[in-house]
Amino acid sequence: MKITKYLFISIFFLNLSALVAQIDGAAKLNKNFPAPNLTIAPAIGLNPWPMSDLVVSNLVQWDIKKRLSLVSYTAYTYNNVFLRNFNYIKTNYNYSLSQKVGVGTALYSKRASHSFSLLGGIKYNSFKETLENPEFEKVSASVSSLSPDFGCMYHLQVGKKKYFFSYRMYIPLYPYPVQHLDITAIDGNIANVSLEFGLGIRLK
């Protein structure tokens, strides 16, 4: 009877120790997960291929749960930033405006978070070019269009305090789907991939 009693007490304390260790481990793990918060991260970047475009964007992310975020992404793209005049053709303007919303999930460490989001929205494109060859009459042409736009985004946040460093990469899935196995194909794959850097702020 005494052996059973001592055995029961030993098992009880072993289980209690294991339970305390699990609680302590869970508490340390939860410290890596921020409380639900709202962040704003303006950034500047490039679409590096096939011709460099300057991108100015803003990302609003609301972490409503540890593994679930709501995302709003707004971007202005100044297309062909380094090639505005070529072969007597002057680019008067060439830009894109896009607004997308979506959901994402994140992995957290002590000083950084890695977010993966699926976004969808609309994109407005507009450009005007003028032929300014002295041998011909000046002629201008302009086009504007509105199209659906969706893709995936990877977002890295580095910093534990109110301000943090932000890096993100946006990969469009439409209207530029993967069409070739060649990663350098202009009509798909890395076309219009956006690489952006900036600073963010936690509002709450």
N, C-alpha and C. Protein backbone atom coordinates (compact mmCIF):
# COMPACT_ATOMS: atom_id res chain seq x y z
N MET A 1 0.83 -1.20 0.00
CA MET A 1 0.00 0.00 0.00
C MET A 1 0.86 1.25 0.00
N LYS A 2 1.95 1.21 0.86
CA LYS A 2 2.84 2.36 0.93
C LYS A 2 3.56 2.56 -0.40
N ILE A 3 3.92 1.43 -1.04
CA ILE A 3 4.61 1.54 -2.33
C ILE A 3 3.71 2.22 -3.35
N THR A 4 2.44 1.81 -3.34
CA THR A 4 1.47 2.43 -4.27
C THR A 4 1.31 3.91 -3.98
N LYS A 5 1.29 4.27 -2.69
CA LYS A 5 1.14 5.67 -2.29
C LYS A 5 2.32 6.49 -2.76
N TYR A 6 3.56 5.96 -2.48
CA TYR A 6 4.76 6.68 -2.90
C TYR A 6 4.85 6.77 -4.42
N LEU A 7 4.44 5.70 -5.09
CA LEU A 7 4.45 5.70 -6.56
C LEU A 7 3.50 6.76 -7.11
N PHE A 8 2.32 6.84 -6.48
CA PHE A 8 1.32 7.82 -6.91
C PHE A 8 1.86 9.24 -6.70
N ILE A 9 2.50 9.50 -5.54
CA ILE A 9 3.05 10.82 -5.25
C ILE A 9 4.17 11.17 -6.24
N SER A 10 5.01 10.17 -6.55
CA SER A 10 6.11 10.40 -7.50
C SER A 10 5.59 10.75 -8.88
N ILE A 11 4.59 9.99 -9.34
CA ILE A 11 3.99 10.26 -10.66
C ILE A 11 3.33 11.64 -10.67
N PHE A 12 2.68 12.00 -9.55
CA PHE A 12 2.01 13.30 -9.46
C PHE A 12 3.01 14.44 -9.63
N PHE A 13 4.15 14.34 -8.89
CA PHE A 13 5.15 15.41 -8.96
C PHE A 13 5.85 15.44 -10.32
N LEU A 14 6.05 14.26 -10.92
CA LEU A 14 6.64 14.24 -12.26
C LEU A 14 5.73 14.91 -13.28
N ASN A 15 4.43 14.60 -13.20
CA ASN A 15 3.47 15.24 -14.11
C ASN A 15 3.36 16.73 -13.85
N LEU A 16 3.43 17.11 -12.57
CA LEU A 16 3.36 18.53 -12.23
C LEU A 16 4.57 19.28 -12.79
N SER A 17 5.75 18.66 -12.68
CA SER A 17 6.97 19.27 -13.23
C SER A 17 6.88 19.41 -14.74
N ALA A 18 6.36 18.36 -15.39
CA ALA A 18 6.21 18.41 -16.85
C ALA A 18 5.21 19.49 -17.26
N LEU A 19 4.12 19.61 -16.48
CA LEU A 19 3.11 20.62 -16.79
C LEU A 19 3.67 22.02 -16.64
N VAL A 20 4.44 22.25 -15.56
CA VAL A 20 5.05 23.57 -15.36
C VAL A 20 6.02 23.90 -16.49
N ALA A 21 6.79 22.88 -16.91
CA ALA A 21 7.74 23.09 -18.01
C ALA A 21 7.01 23.44 -19.30
N GLN A 22 5.87 22.76 -19.55
CA GLN A 22 5.11 23.05 -20.76
C GLN A 22 4.52 24.45 -20.72
N ILE A 23 4.00 24.85 -19.56
CA ILE A 23 3.42 26.19 -19.43
C ILE A 23 4.49 27.26 -19.63
N ASP A 24 5.67 27.01 -19.00
CA ASP A 24 6.77 27.95 -19.13
C ASP A 24 7.24 28.05 -20.58
N GLY A 25 7.33 26.89 -21.27
CA GLY A 25 7.73 26.89 -22.68
C GLY A 25 6.73 27.60 -23.55
N ALA A 26 5.43 27.38 -23.27
CA ALA A 26 4.39 28.05 -24.05
C ALA A 26 4.43 29.56 -23.83
N ALA A 27 4.71 29.96 -22.56
CA ALA A 27 4.78 31.39 -22.26
C ALA A 27 5.92 32.05 -23.03
N LYS A 28 7.09 31.37 -23.06
CA LYS A 28 8.23 31.91 -23.81
C LYS A 28 7.93 31.98 -25.29
N LEU A 29 7.24 30.95 -25.81
CA LEU A 29 6.90 30.94 -27.23
C LEU A 29 5.94 32.06 -27.56
N ASN A 30 4.96 32.30 -26.67
CA ASN A 30 3.96 33.34 -26.95
C ASN A 30 4.57 34.73 -26.94
N LYS A 31 5.73 34.90 -26.28
CA LYS A 31 6.37 36.20 -26.28
C LYS A 31 6.82 36.56 -27.69
N ASN A 32 7.09 35.57 -28.52
CA ASN A 32 7.51 35.83 -29.89
C ASN A 32 6.35 36.26 -30.77
N PHE A 33 5.14 36.02 -30.32
CA PHE A 33 3.96 36.39 -31.10
C PHE A 33 3.44 37.72 -30.57
N PRO A 34 3.38 38.76 -31.42
CA PRO A 34 2.86 40.03 -30.94
C PRO A 34 1.36 39.96 -30.70
N ALA A 35 0.90 40.82 -29.80
CA ALA A 35 -0.54 40.94 -29.60
C ALA A 35 -1.15 41.50 -30.87
N PRO A 36 -2.47 41.32 -31.06
CA PRO A 36 -3.10 41.88 -32.25
C PRO A 36 -2.72 43.34 -32.43
N ASN A 37 -2.16 43.71 -33.58
CA ASN A 37 -1.69 45.08 -33.77
C ASN A 37 -1.92 45.52 -35.20
N LEU A 38 -1.85 46.82 -35.39
CA LEU A 38 -2.05 47.46 -36.68
C LEU A 38 -0.74 48.13 -37.07
N THR A 39 -0.23 47.82 -38.26
CA THR A 39 1.03 48.40 -38.72
C THR A 39 0.84 49.07 -40.08
N ILE A 40 1.62 50.13 -40.29
CA ILE A 40 1.66 50.83 -41.57
C ILE A 40 3.11 50.85 -42.03
N ALA A 41 3.36 50.44 -43.28
CA ALA A 41 4.73 50.31 -43.78
C ALA A 41 4.85 50.91 -45.18
N PRO A 42 5.15 52.23 -45.30
CA PRO A 42 5.45 52.80 -46.61
C PRO A 42 6.81 52.32 -47.10
N ALA A 43 6.96 52.21 -48.42
CA ALA A 43 8.21 51.69 -48.98
C ALA A 43 8.42 52.23 -50.39
N ILE A 44 9.64 52.08 -50.85
CA ILE A 44 9.99 52.44 -52.21
C ILE A 44 10.80 51.28 -52.81
N GLY A 45 10.60 51.02 -54.10
CA GLY A 45 11.30 49.88 -54.69
C GLY A 45 11.29 49.93 -56.20
N LEU A 46 11.56 48.78 -56.82
CA LEU A 46 11.67 48.67 -58.27
C LEU A 46 10.98 47.42 -58.76
N ASN A 47 10.46 47.50 -59.98
CA ASN A 47 10.16 46.31 -60.77
C ASN A 47 11.38 46.11 -61.67
N PRO A 48 12.29 45.23 -61.33
CA PRO A 48 13.59 45.21 -62.02
C PRO A 48 13.58 44.64 -63.43
N TRP A 49 12.51 43.96 -63.83
CA TRP A 49 12.53 43.29 -65.14
C TRP A 49 11.21 43.48 -65.85
N PRO A 50 11.18 43.68 -67.16
CA PRO A 50 12.29 43.79 -68.11
C PRO A 50 12.91 45.19 -68.16
N MET A 51 12.11 46.23 -67.82
CA MET A 51 12.64 47.59 -67.75
C MET A 51 12.27 48.14 -66.39
N SER A 52 13.21 48.78 -65.74
CA SER A 52 13.02 49.18 -64.35
C SER A 52 11.88 50.18 -64.20
N ASP A 53 11.00 49.90 -63.25
CA ASP A 53 9.90 50.79 -62.89
C ASP A 53 10.07 51.18 -61.42
N LEU A 54 9.84 52.43 -61.11
CA LEU A 54 9.92 52.92 -59.74
C LEU A 54 8.58 52.70 -59.06
N VAL A 55 8.60 52.09 -57.88
CA VAL A 55 7.38 51.77 -57.15
C VAL A 55 7.38 52.49 -55.81
N VAL A 56 6.30 53.20 -55.53
CA VAL A 56 6.07 53.80 -54.21
C VAL A 56 4.79 53.19 -53.67
N SER A 57 4.88 52.57 -52.50
CA SER A 57 3.72 51.82 -52.01
C SER A 57 3.53 51.99 -50.51
N ASN A 58 2.39 51.51 -50.06
CA ASN A 58 2.08 51.51 -48.63
C ASN A 58 1.32 50.23 -48.30
N LEU A 59 1.73 49.60 -47.20
CA LEU A 59 1.11 48.35 -46.76
C LEU A 59 0.53 48.56 -45.38
N VAL A 60 -0.76 48.29 -45.24
CA VAL A 60 -1.43 48.32 -43.93
C VAL A 60 -1.76 46.89 -43.56
N GLN A 61 -1.28 46.46 -42.41
CA GLN A 61 -1.48 45.07 -41.97
C GLN A 61 -2.06 45.04 -40.57
N TRP A 62 -3.14 44.30 -40.42
CA TRP A 62 -3.79 44.15 -39.13
C TRP A 62 -3.70 42.69 -38.72
N ASP A 63 -2.91 42.41 -37.72
CA ASP A 63 -2.77 41.04 -37.21
C ASP A 63 -3.90 40.77 -36.22
N ILE A 64 -4.97 40.16 -36.71
CA ILE A 64 -6.13 39.94 -35.84
C ILE A 64 -5.95 38.69 -34.98
N LYS A 65 -5.11 37.77 -35.43
CA LYS A 65 -4.77 36.58 -34.65
C LYS A 65 -3.29 36.28 -34.87
N LYS A 66 -2.78 35.30 -34.14
CA LYS A 66 -1.37 34.98 -34.26
C LYS A 66 -1.00 34.52 -35.66
N ARG A 67 -1.90 33.84 -36.32
CA ARG A 67 -1.60 33.30 -37.64
C ARG A 67 -2.48 33.87 -38.74
N LEU A 68 -3.20 34.96 -38.47
CA LEU A 68 -4.12 35.50 -39.46
C LEU A 68 -4.01 37.01 -39.50
N SER A 69 -3.82 37.55 -40.71
CA SER A 69 -3.69 38.99 -40.89
C SER A 69 -4.58 39.45 -42.05
N LEU A 70 -5.09 40.66 -41.91
CA LEU A 70 -5.78 41.33 -43.01
C LEU A 70 -4.82 42.38 -43.57
N VAL A 71 -4.75 42.46 -44.91
CA VAL A 71 -3.74 43.28 -45.56
C VAL A 71 -4.39 44.18 -46.60
N SER A 72 -3.93 45.45 -46.64
CA SER A 72 -4.32 46.38 -47.69
C SER A 72 -3.03 46.93 -48.32
N TYR A 73 -2.93 46.84 -49.64
CA TYR A 73 -1.70 47.23 -50.34
C TYR A 73 -2.05 48.23 -51.44
N THR A 74 -1.43 49.42 -51.37
CA THR A 74 -1.63 50.47 -52.36
C THR A 74 -0.29 50.79 -53.00
N ALA A 75 -0.25 50.90 -54.33
CA ALA A 75 1.02 51.15 -55.01
C ALA A 75 0.84 52.09 -56.20
N TYR A 76 1.83 52.96 -56.35
CA TYR A 76 1.94 53.82 -57.53
C TYR A 76 3.24 53.43 -58.23
N THR A 77 3.17 53.10 -59.53
CA THR A 77 4.33 52.66 -60.28
C THR A 77 4.61 53.64 -61.42
N TYR A 78 5.82 54.19 -61.40
CA TYR A 78 6.29 55.09 -62.46
C TYR A 78 7.04 54.22 -63.46
N ASN A 79 6.36 53.85 -64.55
CA ASN A 79 6.88 52.85 -65.47
C ASN A 79 8.03 53.38 -66.33
N ASN A 80 8.96 52.47 -66.65
CA ASN A 80 10.11 52.78 -67.53
C ASN A 80 10.84 54.05 -67.07
N VAL A 81 11.22 54.05 -65.81
CA VAL A 81 11.77 55.27 -65.22
C VAL A 81 13.08 55.70 -65.88
N PHE A 82 13.85 54.77 -66.42
CA PHE A 82 15.14 55.11 -67.02
C PHE A 82 15.10 55.17 -68.55
N LEU A 83 13.92 55.07 -69.12
CA LEU A 83 13.81 55.10 -70.58
C LEU A 83 12.55 55.90 -70.96
N ARG A 84 12.70 57.24 -70.89
CA ARG A 84 11.56 58.10 -71.16
C ARG A 84 11.62 58.73 -72.56
N ASN A 85 12.79 58.71 -73.16
CA ASN A 85 12.95 59.24 -74.52
C ASN A 85 13.82 58.28 -75.31
N PHE A 86 13.28 57.78 -76.41
CA PHE A 86 14.01 56.79 -77.20
C PHE A 86 13.56 56.85 -78.65
N ASN A 87 14.53 57.02 -79.56
CA ASN A 87 14.27 56.98 -81.00
C ASN A 87 13.18 57.97 -81.40
N TYR A 88 13.33 59.21 -80.91
CA TYR A 88 12.41 60.32 -81.19
C TYR A 88 11.02 60.14 -80.55
N ILE A 89 10.88 59.18 -79.67
CA ILE A 89 9.60 58.98 -78.98
C ILE A 89 9.74 59.45 -77.54
N LYS A 90 8.95 60.42 -77.17
CA LYS A 90 8.98 60.97 -75.82
C LYS A 90 7.80 60.42 -75.01
N THR A 91 8.09 59.93 -73.84
CA THR A 91 7.03 59.45 -72.95
C THR A 91 6.54 60.60 -72.10
N ASN A 92 5.32 61.05 -72.36
CA ASN A 92 4.75 62.14 -71.56
C ASN A 92 4.40 61.68 -70.16
N TYR A 93 3.78 60.52 -70.08
CA TYR A 93 3.52 59.88 -68.78
C TYR A 93 3.26 58.40 -69.00
N ASN A 94 3.61 57.64 -68.01
CA ASN A 94 3.41 56.19 -68.05
C ASN A 94 3.41 55.70 -66.61
N TYR A 95 2.25 55.40 -66.10
CA TYR A 95 2.16 55.03 -64.68
C TYR A 95 1.05 54.00 -64.46
N SER A 96 1.10 53.41 -63.27
CA SER A 96 0.07 52.44 -62.87
C SER A 96 -0.32 52.72 -61.43
N LEU A 97 -1.61 52.55 -61.14
CA LEU A 97 -2.13 52.65 -59.78
C LEU A 97 -2.82 51.34 -59.44
N SER A 98 -2.53 50.80 -58.29
CA SER A 98 -3.17 49.55 -57.91
C SER A 98 -3.60 49.58 -56.45
N GLN A 99 -4.70 48.91 -56.19
CA GLN A 99 -5.21 48.77 -54.84
C GLN A 99 -5.65 47.32 -54.65
N LYS A 100 -5.07 46.68 -53.65
CA LYS A 100 -5.37 45.27 -53.39
C LYS A 100 -5.60 45.05 -51.90
N VAL A 101 -6.44 44.08 -51.59
CA VAL A 101 -6.65 43.64 -50.21
C VAL A 101 -6.54 42.12 -50.18
N GLY A 102 -6.28 41.59 -49.00
CA GLY A 102 -6.15 40.15 -48.91
C GLY A 102 -5.94 39.67 -47.49
N VAL A 103 -5.61 38.41 -47.39
CA VAL A 103 -5.37 37.78 -46.09
C VAL A 103 -4.00 37.11 -46.12
N GLY A 104 -3.44 36.93 -44.94
CA GLY A 104 -2.13 36.30 -44.88
C GLY A 104 -1.89 35.59 -43.57
N THR A 105 -0.77 34.93 -43.50
CA THR A 105 -0.34 34.25 -42.29
C THR A 105 1.12 34.61 -42.04
N ALA A 106 1.61 34.38 -40.82
CA ALA A 106 2.95 34.83 -40.48
C ALA A 106 3.65 33.84 -39.56
N LEU A 107 4.97 33.87 -39.64
CA LEU A 107 5.85 33.14 -38.74
C LEU A 107 6.66 34.16 -37.96
N TYR A 108 6.79 33.97 -36.66
CA TYR A 108 7.41 34.97 -35.81
C TYR A 108 8.67 34.42 -35.15
N SER A 109 9.65 35.32 -34.98
CA SER A 109 10.82 35.05 -34.16
C SER A 109 10.94 36.21 -33.17
N LYS A 110 12.03 36.26 -32.42
CA LYS A 110 12.14 37.28 -31.39
C LYS A 110 12.20 38.69 -31.96
N ARG A 111 12.86 38.86 -33.09
CA ARG A 111 13.06 40.20 -33.63
C ARG A 111 12.47 40.40 -35.02
N ALA A 112 11.84 39.39 -35.57
CA ALA A 112 11.35 39.52 -36.94
C ALA A 112 10.08 38.70 -37.15
N SER A 113 9.36 39.06 -38.19
CA SER A 113 8.20 38.28 -38.61
C SER A 113 8.23 38.12 -40.12
N HIS A 114 7.77 36.96 -40.58
CA HIS A 114 7.73 36.65 -42.01
C HIS A 114 6.27 36.41 -42.38
N SER A 115 5.71 37.31 -43.20
CA SER A 115 4.30 37.22 -43.57
C SER A 115 4.16 36.79 -45.02
N PHE A 116 3.16 35.95 -45.27
CA PHE A 116 2.85 35.47 -46.62
C PHE A 116 1.37 35.75 -46.87
N SER A 117 1.09 36.54 -47.92
CA SER A 117 -0.28 37.01 -48.15
C SER A 117 -0.71 36.73 -49.58
N LEU A 118 -2.00 36.55 -49.75
CA LEU A 118 -2.63 36.44 -51.06
C LEU A 118 -3.53 37.66 -51.24
N LEU A 119 -3.25 38.45 -52.29
CA LEU A 119 -3.93 39.73 -52.48
C LEU A 119 -4.70 39.75 -53.80
N GLY A 120 -5.75 40.53 -53.82
CA GLY A 120 -6.53 40.71 -55.04
C GLY A 120 -7.12 42.11 -55.08
N GLY A 121 -7.25 42.67 -56.29
CA GLY A 121 -7.81 44.01 -56.42
C GLY A 121 -7.85 44.46 -57.87
N ILE A 122 -7.65 45.76 -58.08
CA ILE A 122 -7.72 46.33 -59.42
C ILE A 122 -6.45 47.14 -59.70
N LYS A 123 -6.16 47.29 -61.00
CA LYS A 123 -4.98 48.04 -61.43
C LYS A 123 -5.36 48.95 -62.58
N TYR A 124 -4.95 50.21 -62.48
CA TYR A 124 -5.22 51.20 -63.52
C TYR A 124 -3.90 51.57 -64.19
N ASN A 125 -3.84 51.41 -65.51
CA ASN A 125 -2.63 51.73 -66.28
C ASN A 125 -2.93 52.88 -67.24
N SER A 126 -1.98 53.79 -67.38
CA SER A 126 -2.18 54.92 -68.29
C SER A 126 -0.83 55.39 -68.83
N PHE A 127 -0.78 55.65 -70.13
CA PHE A 127 0.45 56.21 -70.68
C PHE A 127 0.13 57.05 -71.91
N LYS A 128 1.05 57.98 -72.18
CA LYS A 128 0.95 58.83 -73.37
C LYS A 128 2.35 59.02 -73.92
N GLU A 129 2.48 58.84 -75.24
CA GLU A 129 3.76 59.00 -75.91
C GLU A 129 3.59 59.92 -77.12
N THR A 130 4.67 60.63 -77.43
CA THR A 130 4.63 61.59 -78.53
C THR A 130 5.83 61.38 -79.46
N LEU A 131 5.55 61.30 -80.76
CA LEU A 131 6.61 61.21 -81.76
C LEU A 131 7.09 62.62 -82.06
N GLU A 132 8.36 62.88 -81.77
CA GLU A 132 8.93 64.22 -81.96
C GLU A 132 10.11 64.19 -82.94
N ASN A 133 9.91 63.55 -84.06
CA ASN A 133 10.91 63.52 -85.12
C ASN A 133 10.78 64.79 -85.95
N PRO A 134 11.86 65.56 -86.11
CA PRO A 134 11.75 66.82 -86.87
C PRO A 134 11.35 66.63 -88.33
N GLU A 135 11.48 65.43 -88.83
CA GLU A 135 11.12 65.19 -90.23
C GLU A 135 9.62 64.89 -90.41
N PHE A 136 8.91 64.72 -89.29
CA PHE A 136 7.49 64.39 -89.38
C PHE A 136 6.69 65.33 -88.48
N GLU A 137 5.40 65.32 -88.71
CA GLU A 137 4.51 66.08 -87.85
C GLU A 137 4.42 65.40 -86.49
N LYS A 138 4.33 66.21 -85.46
CA LYS A 138 4.26 65.67 -84.11
C LYS A 138 2.92 64.93 -83.92
N VAL A 139 3.04 63.68 -83.43
CA VAL A 139 1.86 62.85 -83.23
C VAL A 139 1.90 62.26 -81.82
N SER A 140 0.75 62.26 -81.15
CA SER A 140 0.65 61.72 -79.79
C SER A 140 -0.37 60.60 -79.74
N ALA A 141 -0.14 59.67 -78.83
CA ALA A 141 -1.07 58.55 -78.61
C ALA A 141 -1.13 58.27 -77.12
N SER A 142 -2.34 58.01 -76.63
CA SER A 142 -2.50 57.72 -75.21
C SER A 142 -3.46 56.55 -75.03
N VAL A 143 -3.22 55.77 -73.98
CA VAL A 143 -4.04 54.60 -73.68
C VAL A 143 -4.22 54.51 -72.18
N SER A 144 -5.43 54.16 -71.76
CA SER A 144 -5.72 53.91 -70.35
C SER A 144 -6.51 52.61 -70.25
N SER A 145 -6.28 51.87 -69.18
CA SER A 145 -7.00 50.61 -69.02
C SER A 145 -7.15 50.28 -67.55
N LEU A 146 -8.16 49.49 -67.26
CA LEU A 146 -8.44 49.02 -65.90
C LEU A 146 -8.54 47.51 -65.95
N SER A 147 -7.84 46.82 -65.04
CA SER A 147 -7.81 45.36 -65.09
C SER A 147 -7.75 44.79 -63.69
N PRO A 148 -8.21 43.54 -63.53
CA PRO A 148 -8.04 42.87 -62.23
C PRO A 148 -6.57 42.58 -61.99
N ASP A 149 -6.20 42.49 -60.73
CA ASP A 149 -4.81 42.26 -60.37
C ASP A 149 -4.77 41.46 -59.08
N PHE A 150 -4.13 40.32 -59.09
CA PHE A 150 -3.92 39.59 -57.85
C PHE A 150 -2.60 38.84 -57.89
N GLY A 151 -2.08 38.56 -56.69
CA GLY A 151 -0.79 37.90 -56.60
C GLY A 151 -0.45 37.55 -55.16
N CYS A 152 0.81 37.17 -54.93
CA CYS A 152 1.30 36.78 -53.60
C CYS A 152 2.33 37.79 -53.13
N MET A 153 2.40 37.95 -51.82
CA MET A 153 3.37 38.87 -51.24
C MET A 153 4.09 38.22 -50.06
N TYR A 154 5.40 38.43 -50.03
CA TYR A 154 6.21 38.08 -48.86
C TYR A 154 6.63 39.38 -48.18
N HIS A 155 6.42 39.46 -46.87
CA HIS A 155 6.72 40.69 -46.14
C HIS A 155 7.56 40.36 -44.91
N LEU A 156 8.72 40.98 -44.82
CA LEU A 156 9.62 40.79 -43.68
C LEU A 156 9.62 42.05 -42.83
N GLN A 157 9.37 41.87 -41.53
CA GLN A 157 9.48 42.97 -40.56
C GLN A 157 10.59 42.64 -39.58
N VAL A 158 11.53 43.58 -39.40
CA VAL A 158 12.63 43.38 -38.48
C VAL A 158 12.62 44.51 -37.46
N GLY A 159 12.45 44.17 -36.19
CA GLY A 159 12.40 45.17 -35.12
C GLY A 159 11.31 44.85 -34.13
N LYS A 160 11.59 45.05 -32.84
CA LYS A 160 10.65 44.69 -31.79
C LYS A 160 9.87 45.89 -31.27
N LYS A 161 10.40 47.09 -31.46
CA LYS A 161 9.77 48.27 -30.86
C LYS A 161 8.74 48.87 -31.82
N LYS A 162 8.45 50.16 -31.61
CA LYS A 162 7.39 50.80 -32.38
C LYS A 162 7.73 50.89 -33.86
N TYR A 163 9.00 51.11 -34.18
CA TYR A 163 9.43 51.25 -35.56
C TYR A 163 10.18 50.00 -36.00
N PHE A 164 10.06 49.67 -37.27
CA PHE A 164 10.71 48.46 -37.78
C PHE A 164 11.11 48.64 -39.23
N PHE A 165 12.08 47.84 -39.65
CA PHE A 165 12.51 47.79 -41.05
C PHE A 165 11.56 46.86 -41.81
N SER A 166 11.21 47.25 -43.03
CA SER A 166 10.26 46.48 -43.83
C SER A 166 10.85 46.15 -45.20
N TYR A 167 10.75 44.89 -45.58
CA TYR A 167 11.11 44.46 -46.93
C TYR A 167 9.97 43.59 -47.45
N ARG A 168 9.59 43.77 -48.69
CA ARG A 168 8.55 42.93 -49.27
C ARG A 168 8.80 42.68 -50.75
N MET A 169 8.26 41.55 -51.18
CA MET A 169 8.34 41.14 -52.58
C MET A 169 6.95 40.73 -53.02
N TYR A 170 6.48 41.37 -54.08
CA TYR A 170 5.16 41.06 -54.62
C TYR A 170 5.33 40.33 -55.96
N ILE A 171 4.66 39.19 -56.10
CA ILE A 171 4.73 38.39 -57.31
C ILE A 171 3.33 38.34 -57.93
N PRO A 172 3.12 38.99 -59.08
CA PRO A 172 1.79 38.99 -59.69
C PRO A 172 1.45 37.62 -60.28
N LEU A 173 0.21 37.23 -60.11
CA LEU A 173 -0.29 35.99 -60.71
C LEU A 173 -1.23 36.27 -61.88
N TYR A 174 -1.79 37.46 -61.92
CA TYR A 174 -2.66 37.88 -63.02
C TYR A 174 -2.57 39.40 -63.12
N PRO A 175 -2.47 39.98 -64.30
CA PRO A 175 -2.57 39.35 -65.63
C PRO A 175 -1.25 38.87 -66.20
N TYR A 176 -0.30 38.50 -65.35
CA TYR A 176 0.99 38.01 -65.82
C TYR A 176 1.25 36.62 -65.27
N PRO A 177 0.55 35.61 -65.77
CA PRO A 177 0.74 34.25 -65.24
C PRO A 177 2.05 33.64 -65.72
N VAL A 178 2.43 32.57 -65.06
CA VAL A 178 3.61 31.83 -65.49
C VAL A 178 3.27 31.10 -66.79
N GLN A 179 4.00 31.43 -67.85
CA GLN A 179 3.71 30.84 -69.15
C GLN A 179 4.86 30.00 -69.70
N HIS A 180 6.06 30.19 -69.14
CA HIS A 180 7.23 29.50 -69.65
C HIS A 180 8.06 28.95 -68.49
N LEU A 181 8.84 27.93 -68.80
CA LEU A 181 9.78 27.42 -67.81
C LEU A 181 10.99 28.34 -67.67
N ASP A 182 11.24 29.15 -68.70
CA ASP A 182 12.34 30.10 -68.65
C ASP A 182 12.00 31.22 -67.67
N ILE A 183 12.79 31.36 -66.60
CA ILE A 183 12.47 32.35 -65.56
C ILE A 183 12.62 33.78 -66.06
N THR A 184 13.36 33.98 -67.17
CA THR A 184 13.55 35.33 -67.70
C THR A 184 12.51 35.69 -68.76
N ALA A 185 11.49 34.89 -68.93
CA ALA A 185 10.46 35.19 -69.93
C ALA A 185 9.77 36.50 -69.59
N ILE A 186 9.68 37.41 -70.56
CA ILE A 186 9.13 38.74 -70.31
C ILE A 186 7.63 38.69 -70.07
N ASP A 187 6.93 37.77 -70.73
CA ASP A 187 5.47 37.74 -70.63
C ASP A 187 5.00 36.91 -69.44
N GLY A 188 5.84 36.63 -68.52
CA GLY A 188 5.41 35.89 -67.33
C GLY A 188 6.55 35.74 -66.36
N ASN A 189 6.34 34.95 -65.34
CA ASN A 189 7.36 34.64 -64.34
C ASN A 189 7.82 35.89 -63.59
N ILE A 190 9.03 36.39 -63.86
CA ILE A 190 9.54 37.50 -63.06
C ILE A 190 9.12 38.87 -63.59
N ALA A 191 8.33 38.92 -64.66
CA ALA A 191 7.86 40.21 -65.14
C ALA A 191 6.97 40.86 -64.08
N ASN A 192 7.26 42.12 -63.78
CA ASN A 192 6.50 42.92 -62.82
C ASN A 192 6.64 42.45 -61.38
N VAL A 193 7.61 41.63 -61.07
CA VAL A 193 7.91 41.33 -59.67
C VAL A 193 8.41 42.60 -59.01
N SER A 194 7.88 42.92 -57.84
CA SER A 194 8.22 44.16 -57.16
C SER A 194 9.06 43.87 -55.92
N LEU A 195 10.20 44.56 -55.79
CA LEU A 195 11.08 44.47 -54.63
C LEU A 195 11.08 45.82 -53.93
N GLU A 196 10.68 45.86 -52.66
CA GLU A 196 10.48 47.14 -51.98
C GLU A 196 11.12 47.13 -50.59
N PHE A 197 11.61 48.32 -50.18
CA PHE A 197 12.25 48.50 -48.88
C PHE A 197 11.66 49.75 -48.22
N GLY A 198 11.51 49.71 -46.91
CA GLY A 198 10.99 50.87 -46.23
C GLY A 198 11.04 50.72 -44.72
N LEU A 199 10.38 51.65 -44.04
CA LEU A 199 10.27 51.64 -42.59
C LEU A 199 8.79 51.61 -42.22
N GLY A 200 8.48 50.92 -41.14
CA GLY A 200 7.10 50.82 -40.71
C GLY A 200 6.92 51.28 -39.28
N ILE A 201 5.65 51.43 -38.90
CA ILE A 201 5.32 51.87 -37.56
C ILE A 201 4.15 51.05 -37.03
N ARG A 202 4.21 50.65 -35.79
CA ARG A 202 3.13 49.94 -35.13
C ARG A 202 2.22 50.96 -34.43
N LEU A 203 0.97 50.99 -34.84
CA LEU A 203 0.03 51.95 -34.27
C LEU A 203 -0.54 51.47 -32.95
N LYS A 204 -0.67 50.14 -32.80
CA LYS A 204 -1.18 49.60 -31.54
C LYS A 204 -0.76 48.15 -31.40
